[in-house]
N, C-alpha and C. Protein backbone atom coordinates (compact mmCIF):
# COMPACT_ATOMS: atom_id res chain seq x y z
N MET A 1 105.87 37.42 100.28
CA MET A 1 104.88 37.80 101.93
C MET A 1 104.75 35.93 102.32
N SER A 2 104.47 36.09 103.18
CA SER A 2 104.60 34.46 104.15
C SER A 2 103.19 34.38 104.68
N PHE A 3 102.47 33.40 104.80
CA PHE A 3 101.71 33.13 105.63
C PHE A 3 101.59 32.16 106.68
N ASP A 4 101.26 31.99 108.09
CA ASP A 4 101.04 30.96 108.80
C ASP A 4 99.87 30.18 108.63
N LEU A 5 100.18 29.37 108.78
CA LEU A 5 98.74 28.78 108.32
C LEU A 5 98.50 27.48 109.68
N THR A 6 99.61 27.62 110.43
CA THR A 6 99.73 26.89 111.94
C THR A 6 98.15 27.17 112.36
N GLY A 7 97.44 26.07 112.68
CA GLY A 7 96.48 26.13 113.37
C GLY A 7 95.09 25.79 112.73
N ILE A 8 95.15 26.25 110.74
CA ILE A 8 94.02 26.01 110.02
C ILE A 8 93.91 24.57 109.69
N ARG A 9 92.70 24.09 110.09
CA ARG A 9 92.17 22.68 109.54
C ARG A 9 91.86 22.96 108.03
N VAL A 10 92.31 22.69 107.04
CA VAL A 10 91.75 22.62 105.90
C VAL A 10 90.77 21.89 105.61
N THR A 11 89.35 22.04 105.22
CA THR A 11 88.70 21.03 104.88
C THR A 11 87.91 20.64 103.37
N ASP A 12 88.53 21.37 102.45
CA ASP A 12 88.46 20.98 101.20
C ASP A 12 89.78 21.83 100.17
N TYR A 13 89.82 21.47 98.63
CA TYR A 13 91.21 21.73 97.78
C TYR A 13 90.41 21.77 96.79
N GLU A 14 90.79 22.72 95.75
CA GLU A 14 90.37 23.24 94.05
C GLU A 14 91.30 23.64 93.28
N SER A 15 91.19 23.10 92.18
CA SER A 15 91.94 24.25 91.02
C SER A 15 91.09 25.10 90.08
N GLN A 16 91.20 25.94 90.10
CA GLN A 16 90.37 26.50 88.79
C GLN A 16 90.75 27.49 88.05
N THR A 17 90.68 27.13 86.50
CA THR A 17 91.02 27.80 85.03
C THR A 17 90.52 29.54 85.32
N VAL A 18 91.12 30.70 85.21
CA VAL A 18 90.38 31.84 85.39
C VAL A 18 90.56 32.20 83.31
N THR A 19 89.42 32.23 83.16
CA THR A 19 89.38 32.73 81.58
C THR A 19 88.96 34.05 81.21
N ASP A 20 88.65 34.63 80.28
CA ASP A 20 88.21 36.38 79.87
C ASP A 20 86.74 36.29 80.44
N GLU A 21 86.46 35.30 80.86
CA GLU A 21 84.77 35.63 81.54
C GLU A 21 84.71 35.70 83.01
N ALA A 22 84.46 36.77 83.91
CA ALA A 22 84.66 36.49 85.27
C ALA A 22 84.14 35.37 85.81
N SER A 23 84.15 34.84 86.58
CA SER A 23 83.56 33.64 87.21
C SER A 23 83.97 33.38 88.90
N PRO A 24 83.08 32.87 89.60
CA PRO A 24 83.43 32.76 91.18
C PRO A 24 84.31 31.92 91.51
N ILE A 25 84.88 31.54 92.72
CA ILE A 25 85.34 30.35 92.97
C ILE A 25 84.03 29.27 93.80
N ASN A 26 84.44 28.10 93.31
CA ASN A 26 83.14 27.12 93.76
C ASN A 26 82.69 27.30 95.46
N VAL A 27 81.69 28.01 95.68
CA VAL A 27 81.11 28.19 96.17
C VAL A 27 80.50 26.74 97.51
N ASP A 28 80.09 25.58 96.75
CA ASP A 28 79.66 25.04 97.46
C ASP A 28 80.98 24.00 98.28
N ALA A 29 82.48 24.46 97.75
CA ALA A 29 83.64 24.01 98.02
C ALA A 29 84.23 25.25 99.79
N GLY A 30 83.36 26.00 99.24
CA GLY A 30 83.72 27.64 100.54
C GLY A 30 82.72 27.73 101.51
N ASN A 31 81.67 26.75 101.17
CA ASN A 31 80.14 26.87 102.35
C ASN A 31 80.73 26.42 103.60
N GLY A 32 80.53 27.23 104.59
CA GLY A 32 80.48 27.13 105.65
C GLY A 32 82.31 27.53 106.20
N CYS A 33 82.91 27.82 105.15
CA CYS A 33 84.15 28.04 105.58
C CYS A 33 84.74 29.60 105.97
N ASP A 34 85.82 29.90 106.92
CA ASP A 34 86.09 31.18 107.35
C ASP A 34 87.19 31.21 106.49
N PHE A 35 88.03 30.88 105.63
CA PHE A 35 89.62 31.01 105.14
C PHE A 35 89.57 30.66 103.62
N ALA A 36 90.32 30.92 103.20
CA ALA A 36 90.15 30.46 101.66
C ALA A 36 91.81 31.04 101.32
N PHE A 37 93.05 30.05 100.94
CA PHE A 37 93.79 30.22 100.83
C PHE A 37 94.35 30.05 99.40
N ILE A 38 94.82 31.28 98.49
CA ILE A 38 94.43 31.10 97.40
C ILE A 38 95.85 31.78 96.17
N THR A 39 96.59 30.86 95.49
CA THR A 39 97.75 30.75 94.79
C THR A 39 97.14 31.30 93.61
N CYS A 40 98.36 32.00 92.92
CA CYS A 40 97.99 32.23 91.42
C CYS A 40 99.25 31.97 90.26
N GLU A 41 98.52 30.69 89.27
CA GLU A 41 99.46 30.51 88.82
C GLU A 41 99.55 30.48 86.81
N GLY A 42 100.44 30.63 86.26
CA GLY A 42 100.50 30.87 84.90
C GLY A 42 100.26 32.62 84.38
N ALA A 43 99.71 33.03 84.75
CA ALA A 43 99.22 34.58 84.59
C ALA A 43 98.40 35.44 85.86
N GLY A 44 98.73 36.83 85.70
CA GLY A 44 97.47 37.14 86.73
C GLY A 44 96.08 37.37 86.50
N VAL A 45 95.74 37.51 87.35
CA VAL A 45 93.84 37.89 87.53
C VAL A 45 93.72 39.07 87.94
N ARG A 46 92.58 39.64 88.02
CA ARG A 46 92.01 40.64 88.75
C ARG A 46 90.59 40.15 89.26
N PHE A 47 90.21 40.40 90.52
CA PHE A 47 89.53 40.24 91.06
C PHE A 47 88.69 41.53 91.76
N ARG A 48 87.21 40.61 92.56
CA ARG A 48 86.85 41.30 93.35
C ARG A 48 85.84 40.92 94.63
N ILE A 49 85.82 41.04 95.77
CA ILE A 49 85.00 40.55 96.84
C ILE A 49 83.80 40.52 97.22
N ASP A 50 82.90 41.43 96.34
CA ASP A 50 81.95 42.22 96.87
C ASP A 50 81.20 41.57 95.68
N GLY A 51 81.42 40.01 95.28
CA GLY A 51 80.13 39.43 94.41
C GLY A 51 79.87 40.26 93.24
N GLU A 52 80.41 41.30 92.75
CA GLU A 52 80.28 41.85 91.50
C GLU A 52 81.66 41.51 90.22
N ASP A 53 81.21 41.41 89.23
CA ASP A 53 82.25 40.96 88.05
C ASP A 53 83.06 42.28 87.97
N PRO A 54 84.86 41.74 88.23
CA PRO A 54 86.10 42.37 87.54
C PRO A 54 85.99 42.21 86.15
N THR A 55 86.81 43.53 85.73
CA THR A 55 86.98 43.29 84.32
C THR A 55 88.35 42.99 84.22
N ALA A 56 88.84 43.19 82.80
CA ALA A 56 90.37 42.91 82.80
C ALA A 56 91.29 43.99 83.15
N ASP A 57 90.97 45.37 83.08
CA ASP A 57 91.05 46.19 83.94
C ASP A 57 90.34 47.00 84.97
N GLU A 58 89.55 46.17 85.54
CA GLU A 58 88.99 46.80 86.95
C GLU A 58 89.10 45.62 87.87
N GLY A 59 89.25 46.35 88.82
CA GLY A 59 89.35 45.17 90.37
C GLY A 59 91.04 44.98 91.05
N HIS A 60 91.08 44.43 92.00
CA HIS A 60 92.36 43.88 92.70
C HIS A 60 93.10 43.03 91.29
N LEU A 61 94.23 43.39 91.64
CA LEU A 61 95.25 42.66 90.60
C LEU A 61 95.94 41.52 91.67
N LEU A 62 95.71 40.29 91.55
CA LEU A 62 96.99 38.91 92.11
C LEU A 62 97.51 38.81 91.03
N GLU A 63 98.96 39.09 90.82
CA GLU A 63 99.58 38.62 90.15
C GLU A 63 99.98 37.25 90.28
N LYS A 64 100.55 36.80 88.89
CA LYS A 64 101.15 34.94 88.81
C LYS A 64 102.34 35.20 90.11
N GLU A 65 101.82 34.06 90.58
CA GLU A 65 102.99 33.71 91.73
C GLU A 65 103.04 34.23 92.75
N HIS A 66 101.78 34.99 92.59
CA HIS A 66 101.33 35.46 94.42
C HIS A 66 100.21 34.82 95.13
N SER A 67 100.02 35.21 96.23
CA SER A 67 98.76 34.42 96.89
C SER A 67 98.25 35.62 97.78
N LEU A 68 96.66 34.95 97.75
CA LEU A 68 95.66 35.78 98.78
C LEU A 68 95.08 34.99 99.75
N VAL A 69 94.70 35.69 101.26
CA VAL A 69 93.94 35.05 101.79
C VAL A 69 92.52 35.39 101.99
N LEU A 70 91.65 34.60 102.32
CA LEU A 70 90.18 35.93 102.01
C LEU A 70 89.57 34.79 103.50
N GLY A 71 89.47 35.81 104.51
CA GLY A 71 89.20 35.79 105.85
C GLY A 71 87.78 35.57 106.05
N ASP A 72 86.83 35.33 105.59
CA ASP A 72 85.65 34.85 106.12
C ASP A 72 84.87 34.68 104.84
N GLU A 73 83.66 33.78 105.35
CA GLU A 73 82.49 33.45 104.40
C GLU A 73 81.94 34.28 103.07
N ALA A 74 81.84 35.18 103.61
CA ALA A 74 81.13 36.33 102.82
C ALA A 74 82.19 36.83 101.80
N SER A 75 83.57 37.17 101.88
CA SER A 75 84.54 37.33 101.00
C SER A 75 84.65 36.05 100.04
N ILE A 76 84.40 34.74 100.79
CA ILE A 76 84.85 33.71 99.58
C ILE A 76 83.28 33.92 98.88
N LYS A 77 82.45 33.80 99.50
CA LYS A 77 81.41 33.52 98.67
C LYS A 77 80.76 34.74 97.42
N GLY A 78 82.02 36.24 97.68
CA GLY A 78 81.76 37.07 96.99
C GLY A 78 82.78 37.52 95.66
N PHE A 79 83.49 36.04 95.99
CA PHE A 79 85.16 36.34 95.13
C PHE A 79 84.58 35.82 93.62
N ARG A 80 85.14 36.68 93.10
CA ARG A 80 85.19 36.75 91.53
C ARG A 80 86.31 36.88 90.44
N ALA A 81 86.93 36.46 89.68
CA ALA A 81 88.05 37.00 89.00
C ALA A 81 88.27 36.82 87.49
N ILE A 82 88.88 37.39 87.14
CA ILE A 82 88.60 37.53 85.56
C ILE A 82 90.71 37.43 85.18
N ARG A 83 90.58 36.80 84.09
CA ARG A 83 92.61 36.79 83.60
C ARG A 83 92.92 38.38 83.36
N GLU A 84 93.56 38.60 83.51
CA GLU A 84 94.12 40.05 83.27
C GLU A 84 94.69 40.20 81.42
N GLY A 85 95.17 39.47 81.48
CA GLY A 85 95.88 39.54 79.89
C GLY A 85 94.93 38.54 78.56
N GLU A 86 95.79 37.92 77.85
CA GLU A 86 96.06 37.10 76.96
C GLU A 86 95.52 35.52 77.53
N THR A 87 96.24 35.01 78.47
CA THR A 87 96.51 34.07 79.16
C THR A 87 95.78 33.84 80.13
N ASP A 88 95.34 32.42 80.27
CA ASP A 88 94.34 31.93 81.33
C ASP A 88 95.63 31.36 82.47
N ALA A 89 95.10 31.93 83.76
CA ALA A 89 95.42 32.13 84.75
C ALA A 89 94.62 30.20 85.61
N THR A 90 95.09 30.26 86.81
CA THR A 90 95.16 28.86 86.97
C THR A 90 94.79 29.27 88.80
N LEU A 91 94.25 29.33 89.47
CA LEU A 91 93.80 29.35 91.20
C LEU A 91 93.91 27.84 91.53
N ARG A 92 94.52 28.01 93.07
CA ARG A 92 95.11 26.45 93.86
C ARG A 92 94.14 27.11 94.50
N ILE A 93 93.37 26.72 95.26
CA ILE A 93 92.30 26.79 96.43
C ILE A 93 92.57 26.12 97.77
N SER A 94 92.78 26.48 98.95
CA SER A 94 92.81 25.82 100.13
C SER A 94 91.44 26.15 101.17
N TYR A 95 90.40 25.23 101.45
CA TYR A 95 89.31 26.15 101.86
C TYR A 95 89.70 25.41 103.53
N GLY A 96 89.22 26.34 104.03
CA GLY A 96 89.49 25.65 106.08
C GLY A 96 88.72 26.71 106.77
N LEU A 97 89.11 26.26 107.95
CA LEU A 97 88.23 26.34 109.62
C LEU A 97 89.68 27.03 110.34
């Protein structure tokens, strides 16, 4: 799947390691943003966007080498991820308007 990022103004970027403990992405980086483009490297993760913690078996699956777009500030603030298996994953996140 490809995404057209034309017209998106990127305002921040971060890399985040996803371990066996559910964690949010950097809310400060995403403050005021209505767009987050996330790629997943190293291993798959489970995620939720409702502010609740996923588990290794529960939540949406974002597989290694796949990407995800969050299209509003509420989804960015509600995002939580945990690694799916035994290997930590890395999320690369660009925030924008």
